[in-house]
Protein backbone atom coordinates (compact mmCIF):
# COMPACT_ATOMS: atom_id res chain seq x y z
CA MET A 1 8.18 -9.95 35.29
CA ALA A 2 5.52 -10.20 32.58
CA GLN A 3 6.00 -6.54 31.72
CA LYS A 4 9.72 -7.17 31.18
CA LEU A 5 8.96 -9.97 28.72
CA ILE A 6 6.50 -7.77 26.83
CA ASN A 7 9.08 -4.96 26.64
CA LYS A 8 11.72 -7.37 25.32
CA LYS A 9 9.32 -8.71 22.71
CA ALA A 10 8.34 -5.18 21.65
CA LEU A 11 11.99 -4.15 21.37
CA SER A 12 12.76 -7.24 19.32
CA LEU A 13 9.83 -6.52 16.99
CA PHE A 14 10.93 -2.90 16.68
CA ARG A 15 14.43 -3.96 15.62
CA ARG A 16 13.11 -6.55 13.19
CA LEU A 17 10.69 -4.02 11.67
CA TRP A 18 13.55 -1.53 11.40
CA ARG A 19 15.76 -4.00 9.50
CA ALA A 20 12.93 -5.26 7.30
CA GLY A 21 11.90 -1.69 6.51
CA ASP A 22 15.43 -0.77 5.49
CA SER A 23 15.71 -3.76 3.19
CA SER A 24 12.21 -3.29 1.74
CA VAL A 25 13.17 0.09 0.28
CA LEU A 26 16.51 -1.34 -0.85
CA TYR A 27 18.43 0.93 1.53
CA SER A 28 17.74 4.04 -0.57
CA ARG A 29 18.42 7.09 1.54
CA PRO A 30 15.30 9.21 1.61
CA ALA A 31 12.97 6.20 1.71
CA VAL A 32 14.80 4.68 4.68
CA TYR A 33 14.11 7.83 6.71
CA TYR A 34 10.41 7.75 5.82
CA ILE A 35 10.03 4.08 6.77
CA ARG A 36 11.81 4.68 10.06
CA GLN A 37 9.59 7.70 10.76
CA ARG A 38 6.47 5.57 10.26
CA ILE A 39 7.81 2.77 12.48
CA ARG A 40 8.59 5.24 15.28
CA GLU A 41 5.13 6.82 14.97
CA GLY A 42 3.47 3.41 15.20
CA PHE A 43 5.36 2.38 18.32
CA ASP A 44 4.81 5.77 19.97
CA GLU A 45 1.07 5.48 19.39
CA TYR A 46 0.80 2.22 21.34
CA LYS A 47 3.51 2.68 23.96
CA ASP A 48 1.04 3.04 26.85
CA VAL A 49 -1.09 -0.02 26.05
CA LYS A 50 -1.10 -2.57 28.90
CA ASN A 51 -3.94 -4.90 27.84
CA LYS A 52 -2.49 -8.31 26.95
CA ARG A 53 -5.14 -9.11 24.35
CA ILE A 54 -4.49 -5.88 22.46
CA LEU A 55 -0.72 -6.35 22.75
CA ASN A 56 -0.90 -9.90 21.39
CA GLU A 57 -2.96 -8.68 18.43
CA LEU A 58 -0.42 -5.91 17.80
CA PHE A 59 2.46 -8.39 18.00
CA GLU A 60 0.71 -10.62 15.46
CA ARG A 61 0.16 -7.65 13.14
CA CYS A 62 3.83 -6.69 13.50
CA GLU A 63 4.89 -10.21 12.53
CA ASN A 64 2.65 -10.05 9.45
CA THR A 65 4.06 -6.64 8.58
CA ILE A 66 7.62 -7.94 8.87
CA LYS A 67 6.76 -10.75 6.44
CA PHE A 68 5.15 -8.19 4.10
CA LEU A 69 8.28 -6.02 4.20
CA GLU A 70 10.55 -9.02 3.61
CA ILE A 71 8.52 -10.01 0.55
CA SER A 72 8.74 -6.40 -0.63
CA ALA A 73 12.53 -6.61 -0.40
CA LYS A 74 12.70 -9.83 -2.43
CA ARG A 75 10.51 -8.96 -5.40
CA LYS A 76 9.12 -5.90 -7.08
CA GLY A 77 5.46 -6.80 -7.00
CA PHE A 78 2.39 -5.53 -5.22
CA GLU A 79 4.16 -5.34 -1.87
CA HIS A 80 6.99 -3.21 -3.20
CA ASN A 81 4.53 -0.84 -4.89
CA VAL A 82 2.61 -0.42 -1.63
CA ILE A 83 5.77 0.38 0.34
CA TYR A 84 6.95 2.77 -2.38
CA SER A 85 3.60 4.58 -2.29
CA LEU A 86 3.73 4.85 1.50
CA CYS A 87 7.18 6.44 1.26
CA GLU A 88 5.98 8.89 -1.39
CA MET A 89 3.00 9.88 0.74
CA THR A 90 5.24 10.40 3.77
CA TYR A 91 7.44 12.69 1.69
CA ILE A 92 4.41 14.67 0.48
CA GLN A 93 2.93 14.93 3.98
CA ASN A 94 6.23 16.12 5.48
CA LYS A 95 6.54 18.72 2.74
CA TYR A 96 2.92 19.80 3.28
CA LYS A 97 3.45 20.15 7.04
CA LYS A 98 6.42 22.47 6.55
CA ARG A 99 4.64 24.75 4.14
CA PRO A 100 1.09 24.04 3.00
CA PRO A 101 -0.05 25.22 -0.43
CA HIS A 102 -1.47 28.73 -0.45
CA TYR A 103 0.41 29.41 2.79
CA ASN A 104 0.19 33.18 2.63
CA LYS A 105 -2.99 33.48 0.61
CA ARG A 106 -6.60 33.57 1.64
CA MET A 107 -8.57 30.55 0.60
CA SER A 108 -12.25 30.16 0.01
CA LEU A 109 -14.06 27.86 2.39
CA GLU A 110 -14.53 25.31 -0.38
CA LEU A 111 -10.80 25.21 -1.16
CA TYR A 112 -9.92 25.08 2.54
CA ASN A 113 -12.21 22.07 3.05
CA LEU A 114 -10.69 20.39 0.02
CA HIS A 115 -7.19 20.72 1.50
CA ALA A 116 -8.36 19.73 4.98
CA HIS A 117 -9.77 16.41 3.73
CA SER A 118 -7.23 15.66 1.02
CA TYR A 119 -5.74 12.61 2.79
CA ASP A 120 -9.01 10.97 3.85
CA ASP A 121 -9.14 8.50 0.96
CA TYR A 122 -5.50 7.59 1.46
CA TYR A 123 -6.01 6.87 5.17
CA PHE A 124 -9.14 4.85 4.40
CA THR A 125 -7.27 2.75 1.81
CA VAL A 126 -4.39 2.04 4.20
CA MET A 127 -6.87 1.16 6.96
CA MET A 128 -8.70 -1.31 4.70
CA LEU A 129 -5.40 -2.84 3.55
CA ASN A 130 -4.38 -3.29 7.19
CA GLU A 131 -7.70 -4.88 8.10
CA SER A 132 -7.77 -7.29 5.18
CA LEU A 133 -4.12 -8.42 5.47
CA ARG A 134 -3.85 -7.97 9.27
CA LEU A 135 -0.92 -5.59 8.97
CA CYS A 136 0.11 -2.44 10.82
CA LEU A 137 1.17 -0.19 7.96
CA ARG A 138 0.92 3.57 8.43
């Protein structure tokens, strides 16, 4: 019974995040796909979690993220810039996954390491933003 309630709450949060994400990018076509991709990835990452304490923390973070996305839809301030940057990075990462730079060329070890760790600062910044604002952005 409790699992059913958790599933309903998760589904409700997923739908609310979906709608808030669409409105936060002002329904522009490529950005909507990137937001939806990130929402799906986030829910897929935590789909096997059963611990109630962790789930309650995730639900709280989802609520905060929904508020963040709604504010992003209403005004073009800090929130909108963050969401816009996340969409741009998703576009760049998808493009990089299809065909990385220097795909057919040999790279020096130094250049290879540079490409291998190119997103580290971005991930660290998003992680710190999530921790400070208690969000679940990806």
